[in-house]
Each structure stands twice: as C-alpha cells, then as structure tokens.
Amino acid sequence: MKTRGLGDPLERFLGGPVLWTGLVLATLFAMGPFFWVLLASVKTRVELYATPITYIPVHPTFQNYVDAWTSRLTPFSRFFANSLWVSSVTMVATIVISTLAGYALARFRFVGKNTLMLVFLATQMFPAVLLIAPLLSQWYALGLIDTYQALIYSNFSFTVPFTVWMLVGYFESIPRELEESAMIDGSGRFGALIRIIIPLAAPGIAATAIFAFVSSWSELLFATTFTTRTDMRTLSAGLLYMVGQYEIQWGQLGAGVMISTVPVAILFTFLQKHLIRGLTAGALKG
C-alpha cells in the first residue's frame, strides 16, 4: 500500500499556484516588449513624447502604419517586398536541397558520409561574421552586390547545413520497409520518396521551412553588408535605417515591426498542424 509522504502537499503546491504564477510572469516578461511596440504603433506623436508616459493610447490611430508603408525616405513597402522574395526563395531552395540531401544521408552508405555530417555540424560552430570578408570579395568579383542573388545564396549557405541535420533524423525514424514495399509494388526510389517518405516527414519539412524562412526574414548582417542601395534593403536593414541620427520615429518604427511579424505568423498558422504532429509523434508508442 502506497503511503503519502510529506512531499505530496509540497508537490501539489509547487505544481499548482507556484507553477502557474511562474508561467504567467514568464509570459508577461516575454510578451512585454511586443505589447509595448504594439501600443506605440497606434499612438499619436503627442502621446509618444508625452510626460508622464501614457501606456494605453488615448486616441489610437493607424496613421503610423500608413506613413511607414508610404514613406519615400524609408520605403517600407519596398523593404517588405524584398524580404518576402528573398525569404521565400531561400525557404523553397532549402526545402528541396535539404530533403534530397537528408534522404540520401539517411538511406545510403558511401565513403565520407560521416565526415560530411561532421562538416555540416562544424559550420554551425562559427559565426556568420567570419565569412563576411570572403563572401563580400566574392560577390564583388561576380558583380552580385545589390542583388537578390547575393542575399539568397548567403542565407542559403547557412540554413542548409542545419536543416539537413534536422531532416536526416526524421528520415532515419521512418521504417525502410515502407519504401521497400512501395518499390516492390513497382514504384521507383524517387516515387517512393515523393509518395511515402515526404508525407511522413511533413512535420520535419514544416520545421525546416519555418526555420529557413525566419532565419532569412530576420537576417541583418548580410542585408546591411551586401546592399548599398535603398531599394535593395530588406526589412531588417530597413528598420535599422529608420532610426535617424537626431530623432527616432517611434510610431513608424513600431508600425514597421508589427507589419514585419505578419508573414511569419501566417506561415506558422498554415504549418502549425504539422509541427504539433511532429512534437507529439514521439510521445505515442504503439
């Protein structure tokens, strides 16, 4: 017969009020800056610089969003389009290459396989700033400064090694017998990959897509180094240049930050089903 110890009330206490209080405080701490930016984006200029500080807008307005989107000095709409194009192309290219490379590394044995995996892992040990000088000289030699290609290639070179590692684990967790059965029924290797393996690896591919898109969307170092023209800047670089030397347009800056979260939120909304399935798959044992 199991007896209750003195630790049971303590465990219930720590697992009840203390746990929920900690979660609420952590959520407020994490979401505090986001709510501050949201409130600042709908404040008038007078309210932004008023003393004492007013946290809740008295006269909320969306003029900051209009000004940020239509500004000629900092064309936010152009920054948004640049980021959307660079991030989307990087995401698609990353998914295609990582899926093929991850499947090959998970299913085939060849000389240098372990070394190649170590090289992929080693690339994550070095900061991107170490490659700025060689990449910059390379893009200058190829005439790719102020082009989408320079940004896409640079982002792609940093997302692929990590996403290959992610997908190798997913492909290795899928039984080989499934694709072998498909090939016995007449399907080729590529057909089995498309019809059997990729649908089963959808959670891993969804995580790969989000990682590649968010990494490119929020990337700042390459965007400020490989672009010199205003019309080629991405969102992260554009928001940086919205901070003036003598004044910061807090309302427009807050509006720009809020607009920049929309594509990521939409992407996560469409892919969250696959992500949740991937997170819960390991908890289900047949």
C-alpha atoms as a PDB file:
ATOM      1  CA  MET A   1       0.000   0.000   0.000  1.00  0.00           C
ATOM      2  CA  LYS A   2       1.423   3.363  -1.004  1.00  0.00           C
ATOM      3  CA  THR A   3       1.682   5.912   1.765  1.00  0.00           C
ATOM      4  CA  ARG A   4       1.531   9.619   1.320  1.00  0.00           C
ATOM      5  CA  GLY A   5       4.685  11.435   2.344  1.00  0.00           C
ATOM      6  CA  LEU A   6       5.300  14.977   3.390  1.00  0.00           C
ATOM      7  CA  GLY A   7       6.427  15.733  -0.120  1.00  0.00           C
ATOM      8  CA  ASP A   8       2.915  15.323  -1.596  1.00  0.00           C
ATOM      9  CA  PRO A   9       1.476  18.657  -0.333  1.00  0.00           C
ATOM     10  CA  LEU A  10       4.671  20.398  -1.397  1.00  0.00           C
ATOM     11  CA  GLU A  11       4.492  18.830  -4.842  1.00  0.00           C
ATOM     12  CA  ARG A  12       0.844  19.884  -5.205  1.00  0.00           C
ATOM     13  CA  PHE A  13       1.740  23.412  -4.109  1.00  0.00           C
ATOM     14  CA  LEU A  14       4.689  23.697  -6.461  1.00  0.00           C
ATOM     15  CA  GLY A  15       2.701  22.130  -9.288  1.00  0.00           C
ATOM     16  CA  GLY A  16      -0.271  24.447  -8.740  1.00  0.00           C
ATOM     17  CA  PRO A  17      -0.078  28.121  -7.739  1.00  0.00           C
ATOM     18  CA  VAL A  18       3.699  28.422  -7.988  1.00  0.00           C
ATOM     19  CA  LEU A  19       3.824  26.820 -11.428  1.00  0.00           C
ATOM     20  CA  TRP A  20       1.040  28.951 -12.865  1.00  0.00           C
ATOM     21  CA  THR A  21       2.421  32.115 -11.299  1.00  0.00           C
ATOM     22  CA  GLY A  22       5.801  31.384 -12.841  1.00  0.00           C
ATOM     23  CA  LEU A  23       4.246  30.727 -16.258  1.00  0.00           C
ATOM     24  CA  VAL A  24       2.259  33.983 -16.112  1.00  0.00           C
ATOM     25  CA  LEU A  25       5.320  36.001 -15.101  1.00  0.00           C
ATOM     26  CA  ALA A  26       7.448  34.390 -17.810  1.00  0.00           C
ATOM     27  CA  THR A  27       4.752  35.108 -20.414  1.00  0.00           C
ATOM     28  CA  LEU A  28       4.457  38.746 -19.343  1.00  0.00           C
ATOM     29  CA  PHE A  29       8.235  39.111 -19.422  1.00  0.00           C
ATOM     30  CA  ALA A  30       8.465  37.605 -22.912  1.00  0.00           C
ATOM     31  CA  MET A  31       5.452  39.418 -24.378  1.00  0.00           C
ATOM     32  CA  GLY A  32       6.054  42.766 -22.662  1.00  0.00           C
ATOM     33  CA  PRO A  33       8.233  44.278 -25.434  1.00  0.00           C
ATOM     34  CA  PHE A  34       5.791  43.048 -28.083  1.00  0.00           C
ATOM     35  CA  PHE A  35       2.822  44.745 -26.412  1.00  0.00           C
ATOM     36  CA  TRP A  36       4.864  47.921 -25.889  1.00  0.00           C
ATOM     37  CA  VAL A  37       5.676  48.080 -29.612  1.00  0.00           C
ATOM     38  CA  LEU A  38       2.039  47.327 -30.491  1.00  0.00           C
ATOM     39  CA  LEU A  39       0.772  50.165 -28.289  1.00  0.00           C
ATOM     40  CA  ALA A  40       3.454  52.546 -29.575  1.00  0.00           C
ATOM     41  CA  SER A  41       2.443  51.815 -33.170  1.00  0.00           C
ATOM     42  CA  VAL A  42      -1.109  53.148 -32.607  1.00  0.00           C
ATOM     43  CA  LYS A  43      -0.165  56.228 -30.555  1.00  0.00           C
ATOM     44  CA  THR A  44      -0.106  59.738 -31.882  1.00  0.00           C
ATOM     45  CA  ARG A  45       3.138  61.685 -31.909  1.00  0.00           C
ATOM     46  CA  VAL A  46       1.964  63.785 -28.963  1.00  0.00           C
ATOM     47  CA  GLU A  47       1.228  60.699 -26.856  1.00  0.00           C
ATOM     48  CA  LEU A  48       4.571  59.103 -27.724  1.00  0.00           C
ATOM     49  CA  TYR A  49       6.533  62.041 -26.326  1.00  0.00           C
ATOM     50  CA  ALA A  50       4.139  62.999 -23.543  1.00  0.00           C
ATOM     51  CA  THR A  51       5.253  63.174 -19.918  1.00  0.00           C
ATOM     52  CA  PRO A  52       4.292  61.381 -17.811  1.00  0.00           C
ATOM     53  CA  ILE A  53       4.253  58.313 -20.081  1.00  0.00           C
ATOM     54  CA  THR A  54       0.836  57.069 -21.169  1.00  0.00           C
ATOM     55  CA  TYR A  55       0.855  53.324 -21.726  1.00  0.00           C
ATOM     56  CA  ILE A  56      -2.644  52.986 -23.169  1.00  0.00           C
ATOM     57  CA  PRO A  57      -3.331  55.149 -26.261  1.00  0.00           C
ATOM     58  CA  VAL A  58      -5.965  57.799 -25.588  1.00  0.00           C
ATOM     59  CA  HIS A  59      -6.576  58.476 -29.279  1.00  0.00           C
ATOM     60  CA  PRO A  60      -5.461  55.323 -31.142  1.00  0.00           C
ATOM     61  CA  THR A  61      -4.606  55.833 -34.790  1.00  0.00           C
ATOM     62  CA  PHE A  62      -3.296  53.772 -37.707  1.00  0.00           C
ATOM     63  CA  GLN A  63      -1.594  56.751 -39.330  1.00  0.00           C
ATOM     64  CA  ASN A  64       1.813  55.378 -38.331  1.00  0.00           C
ATOM     65  CA  TYR A  65       1.161  52.298 -40.470  1.00  0.00           C
ATOM     66  CA  VAL A  66       0.190  54.456 -43.445  1.00  0.00           C
ATOM     67  CA  ASP A  67       3.237  56.709 -43.010  1.00  0.00           C
ATOM     68  CA  ALA A  68       5.616  53.767 -42.664  1.00  0.00           C
ATOM     69  CA  TRP A  69       4.210  51.986 -45.727  1.00  0.00           C
ATOM     70  CA  THR A  70       4.180  55.050 -47.997  1.00  0.00           C
ATOM     71  CA  SER A  71       7.333  56.850 -46.816  1.00  0.00           C
ATOM     72  CA  ARG A  72       9.688  57.903 -49.617  1.00  0.00           C
ATOM     73  CA  LEU A  73      12.702  58.291 -47.345  1.00  0.00           C
ATOM     74  CA  THR A  74      12.373  54.756 -45.965  1.00  0.00           C
ATOM     75  CA  PRO A  75      10.147  52.865 -48.446  1.00  0.00           C
ATOM     76  CA  PHE A  76       8.871  50.199 -46.103  1.00  0.00           C
ATOM     77  CA  SER A  77       6.697  48.589 -48.773  1.00  0.00           C
ATOM     78  CA  ARG A  78       9.825  48.015 -50.868  1.00  0.00           C
ATOM     79  CA  PHE A  79      11.696  46.584 -47.869  1.00  0.00           C
ATOM     80  CA  PHE A  80       8.773  44.244 -47.236  1.00  0.00           C
ATOM     81  CA  ALA A  81       8.698  43.014 -50.843  1.00  0.00           C
ATOM     82  CA  ASN A  82      12.470  42.430 -50.847  1.00  0.00           C
ATOM     83  CA  SER A  83      12.346  40.399 -47.641  1.00  0.00           C
ATOM     84  CA  LEU A  84       9.365  38.388 -48.827  1.00  0.00           C
ATOM     85  CA  TRP A  85      11.104  37.454 -52.079  1.00  0.00           C
ATOM     86  CA  VAL A  86      14.491  36.630 -50.514  1.00  0.00           C
ATOM     87  CA  SER A  87      12.975  34.626 -47.656  1.00  0.00           C
ATOM     88  CA  SER A  88      10.533  32.708 -49.873  1.00  0.00           C
ATOM     89  CA  VAL A  89      13.176  31.700 -52.427  1.00  0.00           C
ATOM     90  CA  THR A  90      15.593  30.740 -49.642  1.00  0.00           C
ATOM     91  CA  MET A  91      12.892  28.650 -47.962  1.00  0.00           C
ATOM     92  CA  VAL A  92      11.947  26.769 -51.139  1.00  0.00           C
ATOM     93  CA  ALA A  93      15.574  26.134 -52.122  1.00  0.00           C
ATOM     94  CA  THR A  94      16.404  24.993 -48.589  1.00  0.00           C
ATOM     95  CA  ILE A  95      13.483  22.554 -48.507  1.00  0.00           C
ATOM     96  CA  VAL A  96      14.370  20.997 -51.875  1.00  0.00           C
ATOM     97  CA  ILE A  97      18.103  20.611 -51.236  1.00  0.00           C
ATOM     98  CA  SER A  98      17.736  19.584 -47.583  1.00  0.00           C
ATOM     99  CA  THR A  99      15.093  16.972 -48.394  1.00  0.00           C
ATOM    100  CA  LEU A 100      17.201  15.324 -51.097  1.00  0.00           C
ATOM    101  CA  ALA A 101      20.449  15.550 -49.118  1.00  0.00           C
ATOM    102  CA  GLY A 102      18.842  14.417 -45.870  1.00  0.00           C
ATOM    103  CA  TYR A 103      17.223  11.427 -47.557  1.00  0.00           C
ATOM    104  CA  ALA A 104      20.486  10.424 -49.224  1.00  0.00           C
ATOM    105  CA  LEU A 105      22.423  10.661 -45.958  1.00  0.00           C
ATOM    106  CA  ALA A 106      19.751   8.703 -44.091  1.00  0.00           C
ATOM    107  CA  ARG A 107      19.330   5.894 -46.620  1.00  0.00           C
ATOM    108  CA  PHE A 108      22.638   5.385 -48.442  1.00  0.00           C
ATOM    109  CA  ARG A 109      26.083   4.368 -47.260  1.00  0.00           C
ATOM    110  CA  PHE A 110      29.040   5.906 -49.056  1.00  0.00           C
ATOM    111  CA  VAL A 111      32.633   6.854 -48.354  1.00  0.00           C
ATOM    112  CA  GLY A 112      32.931  10.132 -46.460  1.00  0.00           C
ATOM    113  CA  LYS A 113      29.358  10.141 -45.148  1.00  0.00           C
ATOM    114  CA  ASN A 114      30.330  10.637 -41.501  1.00  0.00           C
ATOM    115  CA  THR A 115      32.899  13.261 -42.466  1.00  0.00           C
ATOM    116  CA  LEU A 116      30.284  15.156 -44.438  1.00  0.00           C
ATOM    117  CA  MET A 117      27.917  15.113 -41.467  1.00  0.00           C
ATOM    118  CA  LEU A 118      30.686  16.467 -39.251  1.00  0.00           C
ATOM    119  CA  VAL A 119      31.356  19.233 -41.760  1.00  0.00           C
ATOM    120  CA  PHE A 120      27.673  20.180 -41.702  1.00  0.00           C
ATOM    121  CA  LEU A 121      27.786  20.280 -37.924  1.00  0.00           C
ATOM    122  CA  ALA A 122      31.039  22.253 -37.845  1.00  0.00           C
ATOM    123  CA  THR A 123      29.533  25.042 -39.959  1.00  0.00           C
ATOM    124  CA  GLN A 124      27.189  25.850 -37.067  1.00  0.00           C
ATOM    125  CA  MET A 125      30.142  26.454 -34.735  1.00  0.00           C
ATOM    126  CA  PHE A 126      31.343  29.601 -36.497  1.00  0.00           C
ATOM    127  CA  PRO A 127      29.559  32.964 -36.520  1.00  0.00           C
ATOM    128  CA  ALA A 128      28.461  34.423 -39.834  1.00  0.00           C
ATOM    129  CA  VAL A 129      30.691  37.459 -39.348  1.00  0.00           C
ATOM    130  CA  LEU A 130      33.764  35.301 -40.047  1.00  0.00           C
ATOM    131  CA  LEU A 131      32.606  34.796 -43.634  1.00  0.00           C
ATOM    132  CA  ILE A 132      31.677  38.395 -44.372  1.00  0.00           C
ATOM    133  CA  ALA A 133      35.075  39.300 -45.875  1.00  0.00           C
ATOM    134  CA  PRO A 134      35.388  36.298 -48.262  1.00  0.00           C
ATOM    135  CA  LEU A 135      31.718  36.499 -49.262  1.00  0.00           C
ATOM    136  CA  LEU A 136      31.956  40.241 -49.858  1.00  0.00           C
ATOM    137  CA  SER A 137      35.019  39.878 -52.091  1.00  0.00           C
ATOM    138  CA  GLN A 138      33.355  37.013 -53.930  1.00  0.00           C
ATOM    139  CA  TRP A 139      30.127  38.935 -54.596  1.00  0.00           C
ATOM    140  CA  TYR A 140      32.130  41.973 -55.723  1.00  0.00           C
ATOM    141  CA  ALA A 141      34.124  39.821 -58.154  1.00  0.00           C
ATOM    142  CA  LEU A 142      30.915  38.312 -59.547  1.00  0.00           C
ATOM    143  CA  GLY A 143      29.096  41.645 -59.672  1.00  0.00           C
ATOM    144  CA  LEU A 144      26.371  40.479 -57.284  1.00  0.00           C
ATOM    145  CA  ILE A 145      26.433  43.370 -54.810  1.00  0.00           C
ATOM    146  CA  ASP A 146      22.959  44.936 -54.549  1.00  0.00           C
ATOM    147  CA  THR A 147      21.288  41.844 -55.999  1.00  0.00           C
ATOM    148  CA  TYR A 148      18.851  39.299 -54.636  1.00  0.00           C
ATOM    149  CA  GLN A 149      21.231  36.505 -55.587  1.00  0.00           C
ATOM    150  CA  ALA A 150      23.865  37.607 -53.067  1.00  0.00           C
ATOM    151  CA  LEU A 151      21.338  37.615 -50.217  1.00  0.00           C
ATOM    152  CA  ILE A 152      19.705  34.332 -51.236  1.00  0.00           C
ATOM    153  CA  TYR A 153      22.999  32.469 -51.726  1.00  0.00           C
ATOM    154  CA  SER A 154      24.373  33.763 -48.422  1.00  0.00           C
ATOM    155  CA  ASN A 155      21.254  32.860 -46.433  1.00  0.00           C
ATOM    156  CA  PHE A 156      21.007  29.512 -48.212  1.00  0.00           C
ATOM    157  CA  SER A 157      24.591  28.588 -47.307  1.00  0.00           C
ATOM    158  CA  PHE A 158      23.795  28.993 -43.613  1.00  0.00           C
ATOM    159  CA  THR A 159      20.357  27.379 -43.470  1.00  0.00           C
ATOM    160  CA  VAL A 160      21.091  24.187 -45.440  1.00  0.00           C
ATOM    161  CA  PRO A 161      23.686  22.521 -43.149  1.00  0.00           C
ATOM    162  CA  PHE A 162      21.417  22.735 -40.099  1.00  0.00           C
ATOM    163  CA  THR A 163      18.240  21.737 -41.933  1.00  0.00           C
ATOM    164  CA  VAL A 164      19.990  18.715 -43.444  1.00  0.00           C
ATOM    165  CA  TRP A 165      20.824  17.600 -39.918  1.00  0.00           C
ATOM    166  CA  MET A 166      17.186  18.072 -38.909  1.00  0.00           C
ATOM    167  CA  LEU A 167      15.814  16.028 -41.782  1.00  0.00           C
ATOM    168  CA  VAL A 168      18.345  13.202 -41.515  1.00  0.00           C
ATOM    169  CA  GLY A 169      16.905  12.402 -38.093  1.00  0.00           C
ATOM    170  CA  TYR A 170      13.349  12.432 -39.427  1.00  0.00           C
ATOM    171  CA  PHE A 171      14.157  10.195 -42.388  1.00  0.00           C
ATOM    172  CA  GLU A 172      16.039   7.732 -40.184  1.00  0.00           C
ATOM    173  CA  SER A 173      12.984   7.401 -37.927  1.00  0.00           C
ATOM    174  CA  ILE A 174      10.827   6.255 -40.868  1.00  0.00           C
ATOM    175  CA  PRO A 175      10.990   2.449 -41.360  1.00  0.00           C
ATOM    176  CA  ARG A 176      12.781   1.382 -44.522  1.00  0.00           C
ATOM    177  CA  GLU A 177      10.195  -1.338 -45.038  1.00  0.00           C
ATOM    178  CA  LEU A 178       7.610   1.236 -46.142  1.00  0.00           C
ATOM    179  CA  GLU A 179       9.548   2.426 -49.158  1.00  0.00           C
ATOM    180  CA  GLU A 180      10.828  -1.080 -49.886  1.00  0.00           C
ATOM    181  CA  SER A 181       7.206  -2.247 -50.105  1.00  0.00           C
ATOM    182  CA  ALA A 182       6.433   0.619 -52.478  1.00  0.00           C
ATOM    183  CA  MET A 183       9.383  -0.321 -54.693  1.00  0.00           C
ATOM    184  CA  ILE A 184       8.300  -3.980 -54.715  1.00  0.00           C
ATOM    185  CA  ASP A 185       4.897  -2.799 -55.979  1.00  0.00           C
ATOM    186  CA  GLY A 186       6.615  -1.114 -58.916  1.00  0.00           C
ATOM    187  CA  SER A 187       7.444   2.351 -57.628  1.00  0.00           C
ATOM    188  CA  GLY A 188      10.950   3.677 -58.146  1.00  0.00           C
ATOM    189  CA  ARG A 189      13.187   5.191 -55.490  1.00  0.00           C
ATOM    190  CA  PHE A 190      12.120   8.717 -56.346  1.00  0.00           C
ATOM    191  CA  GLY A 191       8.451   7.713 -56.472  1.00  0.00           C
ATOM    192  CA  ALA A 192       8.694   6.144 -53.029  1.00  0.00           C
ATOM    193  CA  LEU A 193      10.324   9.321 -51.743  1.00  0.00           C
ATOM    194  CA  ILE A 194       7.546  11.526 -53.119  1.00  0.00           C
ATOM    195  CA  ARG A 195       4.561   9.308 -52.230  1.00  0.00           C
ATOM    196  CA  ILE A 196       5.676   7.653 -48.983  1.00  0.00           C
ATOM    197  CA  ILE A 197       8.600   9.350 -47.276  1.00  0.00           C
ATOM    198  CA  ILE A 198       7.860  13.042 -47.785  1.00  0.00           C
ATOM    199  CA  PRO A 199       4.251  12.840 -46.446  1.00  0.00           C
ATOM    200  CA  LEU A 200       5.533  11.000 -43.365  1.00  0.00           C
ATOM    201  CA  ALA A 201       8.322  13.548 -42.916  1.00  0.00           C
ATOM    202  CA  ALA A 202       5.949  16.517 -43.271  1.00  0.00           C
ATOM    203  CA  PRO A 203       6.499  17.663 -39.637  1.00  0.00           C
ATOM    204  CA  GLY A 204      10.249  17.810 -40.170  1.00  0.00           C
ATOM    205  CA  ILE A 205       9.870  19.577 -43.504  1.00  0.00           C
ATOM    206  CA  ALA A 206       7.488  22.086 -41.906  1.00  0.00           C
ATOM    207  CA  ALA A 207      10.033  22.818 -39.180  1.00  0.00           C
ATOM    208  CA  THR A 208      12.684  23.186 -41.884  1.00  0.00           C
ATOM    209  CA  ALA A 209      10.516  25.630 -43.820  1.00  0.00           C
ATOM    210  CA  ILE A 210       9.833  27.802 -40.778  1.00  0.00           C
ATOM    211  CA  PHE A 211      13.485  27.798 -39.742  1.00  0.00           C
ATOM    212  CA  ALA A 212      14.697  28.786 -43.224  1.00  0.00           C
ATOM    213  CA  PHE A 213      12.059  31.493 -43.658  1.00  0.00           C
ATOM    214  CA  VAL A 214      12.505  33.050 -40.220  1.00  0.00           C
ATOM    215  CA  SER A 215      16.299  32.942 -40.464  1.00  0.00           C
ATOM    216  CA  SER A 216      16.229  34.784 -43.787  1.00  0.00           C
ATOM    217  CA  TRP A 217      13.435  37.131 -42.722  1.00  0.00           C
ATOM    218  CA  SER A 218      15.273  38.349 -39.628  1.00  0.00           C
ATOM    219  CA  GLU A 219      18.808  38.270 -41.067  1.00  0.00           C
ATOM    220  CA  LEU A 220      20.611  41.616 -40.658  1.00  0.00           C
ATOM    221  CA  LEU A 221      24.356  41.136 -41.208  1.00  0.00           C
ATOM    222  CA  PHE A 222      24.198  40.084 -44.856  1.00  0.00           C
ATOM    223  CA  ALA A 223      21.430  42.566 -45.609  1.00  0.00           C
ATOM    224  CA  THR A 224      23.476  45.540 -44.421  1.00  0.00           C
ATOM    225  CA  THR A 225      26.786  44.348 -45.916  1.00  0.00           C
ATOM    226  CA  PHE A 226      25.754  43.181 -49.378  1.00  0.00           C
ATOM    227  CA  THR A 227      23.311  46.013 -50.165  1.00  0.00           C
ATOM    228  CA  THR A 228      24.112  49.685 -50.620  1.00  0.00           C
ATOM    229  CA  ARG A 229      21.021  50.915 -52.465  1.00  0.00           C
ATOM    230  CA  THR A 230      17.897  51.810 -50.521  1.00  0.00           C
ATOM    231  CA  ASP A 231      15.616  49.929 -52.913  1.00  0.00           C
ATOM    232  CA  MET A 232      17.526  46.671 -52.272  1.00  0.00           C
ATOM    233  CA  ARG A 233      17.348  46.676 -48.477  1.00  0.00           C
ATOM    234  CA  THR A 234      15.352  44.055 -46.654  1.00  0.00           C
ATOM    235  CA  LEU A 235      13.076  44.639 -43.689  1.00  0.00           C
ATOM    236  CA  SER A 236      15.702  44.156 -41.003  1.00  0.00           C
ATOM    237  CA  ALA A 237      18.093  46.580 -42.696  1.00  0.00           C
ATOM    238  CA  GLY A 238      15.246  48.983 -43.475  1.00  0.00           C
ATOM    239  CA  LEU A 239      14.112  49.082 -39.856  1.00  0.00           C
ATOM    240  CA  LEU A 240      17.687  49.809 -38.834  1.00  0.00           C
ATOM    241  CA  TYR A 241      17.842  52.815 -41.152  1.00  0.00           C
ATOM    242  CA  MET A 242      14.521  54.107 -39.792  1.00  0.00           C
ATOM    243  CA  VAL A 243      16.493  55.114 -36.685  1.00  0.00           C
ATOM    244  CA  GLY A 244      17.704  58.622 -37.544  1.00  0.00           C
ATOM    245  CA  GLN A 245      20.788  60.408 -36.279  1.00  0.00           C
ATOM    246  CA  TYR A 246      18.857  63.032 -34.338  1.00  0.00           C
ATOM    247  CA  GLU A 247      15.392  61.547 -33.988  1.00  0.00           C
ATOM    248  CA  ILE A 248      13.657  58.174 -33.925  1.00  0.00           C
ATOM    249  CA  GLN A 249      10.178  57.921 -35.387  1.00  0.00           C
ATOM    250  CA  TRP A 250       8.918  55.544 -32.729  1.00  0.00           C
ATOM    251  CA  GLY A 251       5.417  55.343 -34.152  1.00  0.00           C
ATOM    252  CA  GLN A 252       6.535  54.391 -37.655  1.00  0.00           C
ATOM    253  CA  LEU A 253       9.217  52.090 -36.296  1.00  0.00           C
ATOM    254  CA  GLY A 254       6.661  50.291 -34.126  1.00  0.00           C
ATOM    255  CA  ALA A 255       4.282  50.003 -37.077  1.00  0.00           C
ATOM    256  CA  GLY A 256       7.083  48.565 -39.215  1.00  0.00           C
ATOM    257  CA  VAL A 257       7.932  45.981 -36.576  1.00  0.00           C
ATOM    258  CA  MET A 258       4.297  44.905 -36.284  1.00  0.00           C
ATOM    259  CA  ILE A 259       3.917  44.590 -40.067  1.00  0.00           C
ATOM    260  CA  SER A 260       7.095  42.507 -40.212  1.00  0.00           C
ATOM    261  CA  THR A 261       5.534  39.876 -37.929  1.00  0.00           C
ATOM    262  CA  VAL A 262       2.608  39.193 -40.286  1.00  0.00           C
ATOM    263  CA  PRO A 263       4.283  36.799 -42.792  1.00  0.00           C
ATOM    264  CA  VAL A 264       5.873  34.724 -40.028  1.00  0.00           C
ATOM    265  CA  ALA A 265       2.529  34.477 -38.209  1.00  0.00           C
ATOM    266  CA  ILE A 266       0.754  33.416 -41.421  1.00  0.00           C
ATOM    267  CA  LEU A 267       3.406  30.784 -42.196  1.00  0.00           C
ATOM    268  CA  PHE A 268       3.222  29.370 -38.688  1.00  0.00           C
ATOM    269  CA  THR A 269      -0.594  29.279 -38.856  1.00  0.00           C
ATOM    270  CA  PHE A 270      -0.521  27.143 -42.003  1.00  0.00           C
ATOM    271  CA  LEU A 271       2.227  24.812 -40.769  1.00  0.00           C
ATOM    272  CA  GLN A 272       1.367  24.503 -37.083  1.00  0.00           C
ATOM    273  CA  LYS A 273      -0.646  21.298 -37.663  1.00  0.00           C
ATOM    274  CA  HIS A 274       2.455  19.552 -38.978  1.00  0.00           C
ATOM    275  CA  LEU A 275       4.615  20.998 -36.219  1.00  0.00           C
ATOM    276  CA  ILE A 276       2.258  19.823 -33.477  1.00  0.00           C
ATOM    277  CA  ARG A 277       2.086  16.383 -35.085  1.00  0.00           C
ATOM    278  CA  GLY A 278       5.865  16.225 -35.094  1.00  0.00           C
ATOM    279  CA  LEU A 279       6.127  17.267 -31.451  1.00  0.00           C
ATOM    280  CA  THR A 280       3.550  14.706 -30.287  1.00  0.00           C
ATOM    281  CA  ALA A 281       4.642  11.827 -32.531  1.00  0.00           C
ATOM    282  CA  GLY A 282       7.439  10.811 -30.200  1.00  0.00           C
ATOM    283  CA  ALA A 283       5.058  10.596 -27.246  1.00  0.00           C
ATOM    284  CA  LEU A 284       2.859   7.941 -28.887  1.00  0.00           C
ATOM    285  CA  LYS A 285       4.063   4.401 -28.622  1.00  0.00           C
ATOM    286  CA  GLY A 286       2.237   1.620 -30.403  1.00  0.00           C
END
